[in-house]
C-alpha atoms as a PDB file:
ATOM      1  CA  UNK A   1       6.694 -16.431 -11.741  1.00  0.00           C
ATOM      2  CA  UNK A   2       4.564 -19.266 -13.052  1.00  0.00           C
ATOM      3  CA  UNK A   3       6.139 -22.354 -14.521  1.00  0.00           C
ATOM      4  CA  UNK A   4       5.304 -21.059 -17.986  1.00  0.00           C
ATOM      5  CA  UNK A   5       6.393 -17.443 -17.649  1.00  0.00           C
ATOM      6  CA  UNK A   6       9.490 -16.177 -19.423  1.00  0.00           C
ATOM      7  CA  UNK A   7      11.724 -13.792 -17.477  1.00  0.00           C
ATOM      8  CA  UNK A   8      13.925 -13.255 -20.511  1.00  0.00           C
ATOM      9  CA  UNK A   9      11.412 -11.092 -22.321  1.00  0.00           C
ATOM     10  CA  UNK A  10      12.301  -8.004 -20.323  1.00  0.00           C
ATOM     11  CA  UNK A  11      15.961  -8.610 -19.563  1.00  0.00           C
ATOM     12  CA  UNK A  12      18.623  -6.153 -20.625  1.00  0.00           C
ATOM     13  CA  UNK A  13      22.358  -6.284 -21.004  1.00  0.00           C
ATOM     14  CA  UNK A  14      25.015  -6.491 -18.352  1.00  0.00           C
ATOM     15  CA  UNK A  15      28.178  -4.409 -18.588  1.00  0.00           C
ATOM     16  CA  UNK A  16      30.802  -5.611 -21.031  1.00  0.00           C
ATOM     17  CA  UNK A  17      33.540  -7.598 -19.244  1.00  0.00           C
ATOM     18  CA  UNK A  18      36.206  -4.885 -19.340  1.00  0.00           C
ATOM     19  CA  UNK A  19      39.029  -4.516 -16.869  1.00  0.00           C
ATOM     20  CA  UNK A  20      36.935  -1.860 -15.109  1.00  0.00           C
ATOM     21  CA  UNK A  21      34.110  -4.309 -14.453  1.00  0.00           C
ATOM     22  CA  UNK A  22      35.948  -7.599 -13.924  1.00  0.00           C
ATOM     23  CA  UNK A  23      39.007  -6.485 -12.014  1.00  0.00           C
ATOM     24  CA  UNK A  24      41.379  -7.993 -14.603  1.00  0.00           C
ATOM     25  CA  UNK A  25      44.735  -6.292 -14.675  1.00  0.00           C
ATOM     26  CA  UNK A  26      47.388  -5.769 -17.302  1.00  0.00           C
ATOM     27  CA  UNK A  27      50.767  -7.134 -16.143  1.00  0.00           C
ATOM     28  CA  UNK A  28      53.330  -4.411 -15.530  1.00  0.00           C
ATOM     29  CA  UNK A  29      56.093  -6.655 -14.188  1.00  0.00           C
ATOM     30  CA  UNK A  30      58.661  -8.824 -15.914  1.00  0.00           C
ATOM     31  CA  UNK A  31      58.922 -12.568 -15.280  1.00  0.00           C
ATOM     32  CA  UNK A  32      61.409 -12.065 -12.434  1.00  0.00           C
ATOM     33  CA  UNK A  33      58.958  -9.866 -10.561  1.00  0.00           C
ATOM     34  CA  UNK A  34      60.769  -6.602 -11.293  1.00  0.00           C
ATOM     35  CA  UNK A  35      59.039  -3.642 -12.908  1.00  0.00           C
ATOM     36  CA  UNK A  36      58.787  -4.204 -16.614  1.00  0.00           C
ATOM     37  CA  UNK A  37      58.872  -1.708 -19.472  1.00  0.00           C
ATOM     38  CA  UNK A  38      56.660   1.329 -19.264  1.00  0.00           C
ATOM     39  CA  UNK A  39      53.140   0.194 -20.049  1.00  0.00           C
ATOM     40  CA  UNK A  40      51.148   1.789 -22.862  1.00  0.00           C
ATOM     41  CA  UNK A  41      48.829   4.571 -21.781  1.00  0.00           C
ATOM     42  CA  UNK A  42      45.734   2.428 -22.300  1.00  0.00           C
ATOM     43  CA  UNK A  43      47.176  -0.336 -20.080  1.00  0.00           C
ATOM     44  CA  UNK A  44      48.003   2.156 -17.346  1.00  0.00           C
ATOM     45  CA  UNK A  45      44.496   3.560 -17.605  1.00  0.00           C
ATOM     46  CA  UNK A  46      42.996   0.077 -17.285  1.00  0.00           C
ATOM     47  CA  UNK A  47      44.987  -0.564 -14.108  1.00  0.00           C
ATOM     48  CA  UNK A  48      43.895   2.745 -12.588  1.00  0.00           C
ATOM     49  CA  UNK A  49      40.270   2.103 -13.499  1.00  0.00           C
ATOM     50  CA  UNK A  50      40.367  -1.392 -12.012  1.00  0.00           C
ATOM     51  CA  UNK A  51      41.885  -0.029  -8.809  1.00  0.00           C
ATOM     52  CA  UNK A  52      39.200   2.656  -8.629  1.00  0.00           C
ATOM     53  CA  UNK A  53      36.398   0.119  -9.040  1.00  0.00           C
ATOM     54  CA  UNK A  54      37.974  -2.081  -6.369  1.00  0.00           C
ATOM     55  CA  UNK A  55      38.122   0.871  -3.987  1.00  0.00           C
ATOM     56  CA  UNK A  56      34.480   1.736  -4.732  1.00  0.00           C
ATOM     57  CA  UNK A  57      33.461  -1.835  -3.902  1.00  0.00           C
ATOM     58  CA  UNK A  58      35.451  -1.820  -0.668  1.00  0.00           C
ATOM     59  CA  UNK A  59      33.867   1.464   0.387  1.00  0.00           C
ATOM     60  CA  UNK A  60      30.416   0.103  -0.436  1.00  0.00           C
ATOM     61  CA  UNK A  61      30.947  -3.046   1.642  1.00  0.00           C
ATOM     62  CA  UNK A  62      32.212  -0.906   4.530  1.00  0.00           C
ATOM     63  CA  UNK A  63      29.250   1.461   4.226  1.00  0.00           C
ATOM     64  CA  UNK A  64      26.683  -1.326   4.407  1.00  0.00           C
ATOM     65  CA  UNK A  65      28.467  -2.818   7.410  1.00  0.00           C
ATOM     66  CA  UNK A  66      28.062   0.553   9.148  1.00  0.00           C
ATOM     67  CA  UNK A  67      24.430   0.720   8.018  1.00  0.00           C
ATOM     68  CA  UNK A  68      23.617  -2.693   9.473  1.00  0.00           C
ATOM     69  CA  UNK A  69      25.232  -1.790  12.786  1.00  0.00           C
ATOM     70  CA  UNK A  70      23.497   1.598  13.016  1.00  0.00           C
ATOM     71  CA  UNK A  71      20.112   0.221  11.938  1.00  0.00           C
ATOM     72  CA  UNK A  72      20.070  -2.149  14.905  1.00  0.00           C
ATOM     73  CA  UNK A  73      19.286   0.855  17.109  1.00  0.00           C
ATOM     74  CA  UNK A  74      18.088   3.519  14.653  1.00  0.00           C
ATOM     75  CA  UNK A  75      17.154   2.725  11.040  1.00  0.00           C
ATOM     76  CA  UNK A  76      16.626   6.428  10.334  1.00  0.00           C
ATOM     77  CA  UNK A  77      20.164   7.225  11.528  1.00  0.00           C
ATOM     78  CA  UNK A  78      21.488   4.395   9.362  1.00  0.00           C
ATOM     79  CA  UNK A  79      19.614   5.892   6.415  1.00  0.00           C
ATOM     80  CA  UNK A  80      21.153   9.328   6.981  1.00  0.00           C
ATOM     81  CA  UNK A  81      24.600   7.717   7.112  1.00  0.00           C
ATOM     82  CA  UNK A  82      23.922   5.791   3.887  1.00  0.00           C
ATOM     83  CA  UNK A  83      22.650   8.863   2.114  1.00  0.00           C
ATOM     84  CA  UNK A  84      25.556  11.081   3.136  1.00  0.00           C
ATOM     85  CA  UNK A  85      28.260   8.568   2.251  1.00  0.00           C
ATOM     86  CA  UNK A  86      26.752   7.810  -1.140  1.00  0.00           C
ATOM     87  CA  UNK A  87      26.550  11.530  -1.934  1.00  0.00           C
ATOM     88  CA  UNK A  88      30.241  11.827  -1.090  1.00  0.00           C
ATOM     89  CA  UNK A  89      31.168   8.858  -3.258  1.00  0.00           C
ATOM     90  CA  UNK A  90      29.107  10.002  -6.240  1.00  0.00           C
ATOM     91  CA  UNK A  91      30.502  13.536  -5.995  1.00  0.00           C
ATOM     92  CA  UNK A  92      34.186  12.723  -5.925  1.00  0.00           C
ATOM     93  CA  UNK A  93      35.095   9.086  -6.409  1.00  0.00           C
ATOM     94  CA  UNK A  94      36.860   8.209  -9.695  1.00  0.00           C
ATOM     95  CA  UNK A  95      34.597   5.145 -10.132  1.00  0.00           C
ATOM     96  CA  UNK A  96      31.397   7.171  -9.728  1.00  0.00           C
ATOM     97  CA  UNK A  97      28.828   6.654 -12.475  1.00  0.00           C
ATOM     98  CA  UNK A  98      28.824  10.438 -12.899  1.00  0.00           C
ATOM     99  CA  UNK A  99      31.082  12.014 -15.473  1.00  0.00           C
ATOM    100  CA  UNK A 100      33.087  15.163 -14.803  1.00  0.00           C
ATOM    101  CA  UNK A 101      30.350  17.488 -16.059  1.00  0.00           C
ATOM    102  CA  UNK A 102      27.752  15.739 -13.925  1.00  0.00           C
ATOM    103  CA  UNK A 103      30.009  15.867 -10.863  1.00  0.00           C
ATOM    104  CA  UNK A 104      30.485  19.608 -11.296  1.00  0.00           C
ATOM    105  CA  UNK A 105      26.714  20.130 -11.153  1.00  0.00           C
ATOM    106  CA  UNK A 106      26.026  17.492  -8.484  1.00  0.00           C
ATOM    107  CA  UNK A 107      24.131  18.606  -5.366  1.00  0.00           C
ATOM    108  CA  UNK A 108      23.170  15.226  -3.937  1.00  0.00           C
ATOM    109  CA  UNK A 109      21.170  12.159  -4.902  1.00  0.00           C
ATOM    110  CA  UNK A 110      17.371  12.582  -4.836  1.00  0.00           C
ATOM    111  CA  UNK A 111      16.556  10.370  -1.847  1.00  0.00           C
ATOM    112  CA  UNK A 112      13.193  10.473  -0.051  1.00  0.00           C
ATOM    113  CA  UNK A 113      13.017  11.096   3.694  1.00  0.00           C
ATOM    114  CA  UNK A 114      13.086   7.948   5.808  1.00  0.00           C
ATOM    115  CA  UNK A 115       9.685   6.272   6.192  1.00  0.00           C
ATOM    116  CA  UNK A 116       9.555   3.360   8.670  1.00  0.00           C
ATOM    117  CA  UNK A 117       6.453   1.986   6.930  1.00  0.00           C
ATOM    118  CA  UNK A 118       8.726   0.666   4.171  1.00  0.00           C
ATOM    119  CA  UNK A 119      10.927  -1.469   6.432  1.00  0.00           C
ATOM    120  CA  UNK A 120      10.099  -5.196   6.442  1.00  0.00           C
ATOM    121  CA  UNK A 121      11.479  -8.514   7.585  1.00  0.00           C
ATOM    122  CA  UNK A 122      10.616 -11.231   5.096  1.00  0.00           C
ATOM    123  CA  UNK A 123      11.291 -14.945   4.682  1.00  0.00           C
ATOM    124  CA  UNK A 124      12.455 -16.195   1.303  1.00  0.00           C
ATOM    125  CA  UNK A 125       9.957 -18.824   0.150  1.00  0.00           C
ATOM    126  CA  UNK A 126      10.709 -21.567  -2.374  1.00  0.00           C
ATOM    127  CA  UNK A 127       8.240 -20.318  -4.970  1.00  0.00           C
ATOM    128  CA  UNK A 128       9.888 -20.309  -8.397  1.00  0.00           C
ATOM    129  CA  UNK A 129      13.238 -21.563  -7.081  1.00  0.00           C
ATOM    130  CA  UNK A 130      15.472 -22.960  -9.804  1.00  0.00           C
ATOM    131  CA  UNK A 131      13.973 -20.984 -12.668  1.00  0.00           C
ATOM    132  CA  UNK A 132      16.474 -19.192 -14.866  1.00  0.00           C
ATOM    133  CA  UNK A 133      16.816 -15.685 -16.219  1.00  0.00           C
ATOM    134  CA  UNK A 134      19.283 -15.336 -19.071  1.00  0.00           C
ATOM    135  CA  UNK A 135      20.640 -11.846 -19.622  1.00  0.00           C
ATOM    136  CA  UNK A 136      22.159 -11.434 -23.063  1.00  0.00           C
ATOM    137  CA  UNK A 137      25.227  -9.247 -23.471  1.00  0.00           C
ATOM    138  CA  UNK A 138      26.734  -7.826 -26.609  1.00  0.00           C
ATOM    139  CA  UNK A 139      30.230  -9.155 -25.950  1.00  0.00           C
ATOM    140  CA  UNK A 140      30.054 -11.971 -23.408  1.00  0.00           C
ATOM    141  CA  UNK A 141      27.211 -14.165 -24.591  1.00  0.00           C
ATOM    142  CA  UNK A 142      24.520 -15.017 -22.048  1.00  0.00           C
ATOM    143  CA  UNK A 143      24.939 -14.275 -18.341  1.00  0.00           C
ATOM    144  CA  UNK A 144      22.637 -16.626 -16.403  1.00  0.00           C
ATOM    145  CA  UNK A 145      20.767 -15.889 -13.189  1.00  0.00           C
ATOM    146  CA  UNK A 146      19.012 -18.564 -11.124  1.00  0.00           C
ATOM    147  CA  UNK A 147      15.940 -17.828  -9.051  1.00  0.00           C
ATOM    148  CA  UNK A 148      16.398 -18.463  -5.338  1.00  0.00           C
ATOM    149  CA  UNK A 149      12.741 -18.053  -4.455  1.00  0.00           C
ATOM    150  CA  UNK A 150      10.248 -15.319  -3.650  1.00  0.00           C
ATOM    151  CA  UNK A 151       9.846 -12.628  -1.018  1.00  0.00           C
ATOM    152  CA  UNK A 152       6.225 -12.028  -0.017  1.00  0.00           C
ATOM    153  CA  UNK A 153       5.973  -8.505   1.384  1.00  0.00           C
ATOM    154  CA  UNK A 154       2.736  -7.479   3.142  1.00  0.00           C
ATOM    155  CA  UNK A 155       0.985  -4.587   1.428  1.00  0.00           C
ATOM    156  CA  UNK A 156       3.668  -4.463  -1.260  1.00  0.00           C
ATOM    157  CA  UNK A 157       3.564  -7.684  -3.258  1.00  0.00           C
ATOM    158  CA  UNK A 158       5.904 -10.473  -4.310  1.00  0.00           C
ATOM    159  CA  UNK A 159       9.455 -10.131  -5.609  1.00  0.00           C
ATOM    160  CA  UNK A 160      11.621 -12.824  -7.166  1.00  0.00           C
ATOM    161  CA  UNK A 161      15.099 -13.141  -5.641  1.00  0.00           C
ATOM    162  CA  UNK A 162      17.972 -14.099  -7.946  1.00  0.00           C
ATOM    163  CA  UNK A 163      21.607 -15.126  -7.809  1.00  0.00           C
ATOM    164  CA  UNK A 164      24.269 -14.941 -10.477  1.00  0.00           C
ATOM    165  CA  UNK A 165      24.786 -18.514 -11.656  1.00  0.00           C
ATOM    166  CA  UNK A 166      28.482 -17.980 -12.275  1.00  0.00           C
ATOM    167  CA  UNK A 167      31.261 -16.833  -9.977  1.00  0.00           C
ATOM    168  CA  UNK A 168      30.148 -14.791  -6.984  1.00  0.00           C
ATOM    169  CA  UNK A 169      26.520 -15.836  -6.627  1.00  0.00           C
ATOM    170  CA  UNK A 170      24.927 -13.577  -4.034  1.00  0.00           C
ATOM    171  CA  UNK A 171      21.349 -12.317  -3.768  1.00  0.00           C
ATOM    172  CA  UNK A 172      20.059  -9.850  -6.340  1.00  0.00           C
ATOM    173  CA  UNK A 173      16.711  -8.133  -5.756  1.00  0.00           C
ATOM    174  CA  UNK A 174      15.703  -5.575  -8.381  1.00  0.00           C
ATOM    175  CA  UNK A 175      12.220  -4.093  -8.568  1.00  0.00           C
ATOM    176  CA  UNK A 176      10.082  -1.687 -10.550  1.00  0.00           C
ATOM    177  CA  UNK A 177       7.083  -0.001  -8.943  1.00  0.00           C
ATOM    178  CA  UNK A 178       4.312   2.358 -10.010  1.00  0.00           C
ATOM    179  CA  UNK A 179       6.424   5.477  -9.459  1.00  0.00           C
ATOM    180  CA  UNK A 180       8.771   4.409 -12.280  1.00  0.00           C
ATOM    181  CA  UNK A 181       9.035   6.941 -15.072  1.00  0.00           C
ATOM    182  CA  UNK A 182       6.765   9.497 -13.434  1.00  0.00           C
ATOM    183  CA  UNK A 183       7.712  13.129 -12.869  1.00  0.00           C
ATOM    184  CA  UNK A 184       9.420  13.274  -9.466  1.00  0.00           C
ATOM    185  CA  UNK A 185       9.137   9.486  -9.360  1.00  0.00           C
ATOM    186  CA  UNK A 186      11.734   6.740  -9.653  1.00  0.00           C
ATOM    187  CA  UNK A 187      13.976   5.638 -12.507  1.00  0.00           C
ATOM    188  CA  UNK A 188      11.829   4.326 -15.335  1.00  0.00           C
ATOM    189  CA  UNK A 189      13.626   1.001 -15.681  1.00  0.00           C
ATOM    190  CA  UNK A 190      13.591   0.150 -11.976  1.00  0.00           C
ATOM    191  CA  UNK A 191      15.762   0.119  -8.868  1.00  0.00           C
ATOM    192  CA  UNK A 192      17.824  -2.283  -6.770  1.00  0.00           C
ATOM    193  CA  UNK A 193      17.181  -3.190  -3.136  1.00  0.00           C
ATOM    194  CA  UNK A 194      19.768  -5.939  -2.584  1.00  0.00           C
ATOM    195  CA  UNK A 195      22.872  -6.802  -4.582  1.00  0.00           C
ATOM    196  CA  UNK A 196      25.033  -8.668  -2.114  1.00  0.00           C
ATOM    197  CA  UNK A 197      27.827  -9.464  -4.552  1.00  0.00           C
ATOM    198  CA  UNK A 198      28.500  -5.700  -4.598  1.00  0.00           C
ATOM    199  CA  UNK A 199      27.950  -5.155  -0.888  1.00  0.00           C
ATOM    200  CA  UNK A 200      24.311  -4.016  -0.843  1.00  0.00           C
ATOM    201  CA  UNK A 201      22.946  -6.147   2.003  1.00  0.00           C
ATOM    202  CA  UNK A 202      20.794  -4.912   4.889  1.00  0.00           C
ATOM    203  CA  UNK A 203      21.093  -7.937   7.179  1.00  0.00           C
ATOM    204  CA  UNK A 204      18.757 -10.585   8.546  1.00  0.00           C
ATOM    205  CA  UNK A 205      17.237 -11.834  11.774  1.00  0.00           C
ATOM    206  CA  UNK A 206      17.289 -15.598  11.779  1.00  0.00           C
ATOM    207  CA  UNK A 207      15.703 -16.727   8.516  1.00  0.00           C
ATOM    208  CA  UNK A 208      14.082 -13.344   7.877  1.00  0.00           C
ATOM    209  CA  UNK A 209      15.791 -10.871   5.558  1.00  0.00           C
ATOM    210  CA  UNK A 210      15.605  -7.150   6.204  1.00  0.00           C
ATOM    211  CA  UNK A 211      14.028  -5.487   3.181  1.00  0.00           C
ATOM    212  CA  UNK A 212      14.010  -1.740   3.742  1.00  0.00           C
ATOM    213  CA  UNK A 213      12.894   0.111   0.632  1.00  0.00           C
ATOM    214  CA  UNK A 214      14.305   3.332   2.048  1.00  0.00           C
ATOM    215  CA  UNK A 215      17.676   1.937   0.947  1.00  0.00           C
ATOM    216  CA  UNK A 216      16.622   1.183  -2.633  1.00  0.00           C
ATOM    217  CA  UNK A 217      18.876   2.798  -5.214  1.00  0.00           C
ATOM    218  CA  UNK A 218      19.238   3.385  -8.930  1.00  0.00           C
ATOM    219  CA  UNK A 219      21.500   1.266 -11.144  1.00  0.00           C
ATOM    220  CA  UNK A 220      24.519   3.020 -12.623  1.00  0.00           C
ATOM    221  CA  UNK A 221      22.915   3.172 -16.058  1.00  0.00           C
ATOM    222  CA  UNK A 222      20.384   5.655 -14.655  1.00  0.00           C
ATOM    223  CA  UNK A 223      23.179   8.224 -14.510  1.00  0.00           C
ATOM    224  CA  UNK A 224      25.482   7.318 -17.352  1.00  0.00           C
ATOM    225  CA  UNK A 225      24.615   5.779 -20.708  1.00  0.00           C
ATOM    226  CA  UNK A 226      28.031   4.119 -20.844  1.00  0.00           C
ATOM    227  CA  UNK A 227      26.792   1.585 -18.286  1.00  0.00           C
ATOM    228  CA  UNK A 228      24.411  -1.289 -18.943  1.00  0.00           C
ATOM    229  CA  UNK A 229      22.501  -2.989 -16.133  1.00  0.00           C
ATOM    230  CA  UNK A 230      20.277  -6.036 -15.537  1.00  0.00           C
ATOM    231  CA  UNK A 231      16.809  -4.618 -14.938  1.00  0.00           C
ATOM    232  CA  UNK A 232      13.610  -5.993 -13.394  1.00  0.00           C
ATOM    233  CA  UNK A 233      11.694  -8.599 -15.370  1.00  0.00           C
ATOM    234  CA  UNK A 234       7.970  -9.371 -14.960  1.00  0.00           C
ATOM    235  CA  UNK A 235       8.409 -11.143 -11.621  1.00  0.00           C
ATOM    236  CA  UNK A 236      10.044  -8.097 -10.086  1.00  0.00           C
ATOM    237  CA  UNK A 237       7.342  -5.567 -10.898  1.00  0.00           C
ATOM    238  CA  UNK A 238       5.084  -4.210  -8.205  1.00  0.00           C
ATOM    239  CA  UNK A 239       1.553  -2.927  -8.649  1.00  0.00           C
ATOM    240  CA  UNK A 240       2.038  -0.339  -5.925  1.00  0.00           C
ATOM    241  CA  UNK A 241       3.985   2.882  -5.449  1.00  0.00           C
ATOM    242  CA  UNK A 242       7.184   2.834  -3.400  1.00  0.00           C
ATOM    243  CA  UNK A 243       7.732   6.461  -2.409  1.00  0.00           C
ATOM    244  CA  UNK A 244      10.909   5.669  -0.491  1.00  0.00           C
ATOM    245  CA  UNK A 245      14.563   5.336  -1.330  1.00  0.00           C
ATOM    246  CA  UNK A 246      16.432   6.949  -4.179  1.00  0.00           C
ATOM    247  CA  UNK A 247      14.155   8.669  -6.656  1.00  0.00           C
ATOM    248  CA  UNK A 248      15.188  10.107 -10.007  1.00  0.00           C
ATOM    249  CA  UNK A 249      15.847  13.287 -11.866  1.00  0.00           C
ATOM    250  CA  UNK A 250      17.327  13.161 -15.327  1.00  0.00           C
ATOM    251  CA  UNK A 251      21.061  13.835 -15.122  1.00  0.00           C
ATOM    252  CA  UNK A 252      22.977  16.192 -17.364  1.00  0.00           C
ATOM    253  CA  UNK A 253      24.574  13.968 -19.974  1.00  0.00           C
ATOM    254  CA  UNK A 254      28.125  14.616 -21.081  1.00  0.00           C
END
């Protein structure tokens, strides 16, 4: 990103800050710590949804821990583990982005076979560090991201790395490549490679981050219109085709 570029021009909305997304809970206990009156159905539903999202996050963190350990000896084995576990979660987990109709027809995520040519170790440079990317939401004002720097990936291009400026921080690395929107290609709006605040982290060796595009995946909004996602801006677009990772086929909408 140059000093005069504007990353806001292509930003989209983040999910509304509901109990499902934020982990907020409706109190079901009285002041003395004993169970209170029966909660309304919508409050009970919010608690169950929050618990489901928490469990999804915990499973995702655990999965990526297994992936990092397995990849130390066999990245392709780690990829098979990642693919199988994600299929299981999408097919049956209550916090899956798939609705009931989609789950009934689900046969597995469209993930390309592992290709070692798409595995890199890259140092985060200071280019663009400190620049901001403001993502406007319909209900929560502006959610700010701050640029951490740039990954320069041989034969692929440059990608801006971001962190959420508010609580949580982390490293967020979305991208859009030339397969986006094509038949048998990737999701038209782009994919994610790293999102450490949600567990998606492939590890590092010293100061070099592991960037393995075989582990790139679609945002939840690719599968369910009820979700909204931050998507790649101009500094996260690649002028090359990444034929690795999760690809895309249009889901059956409910």
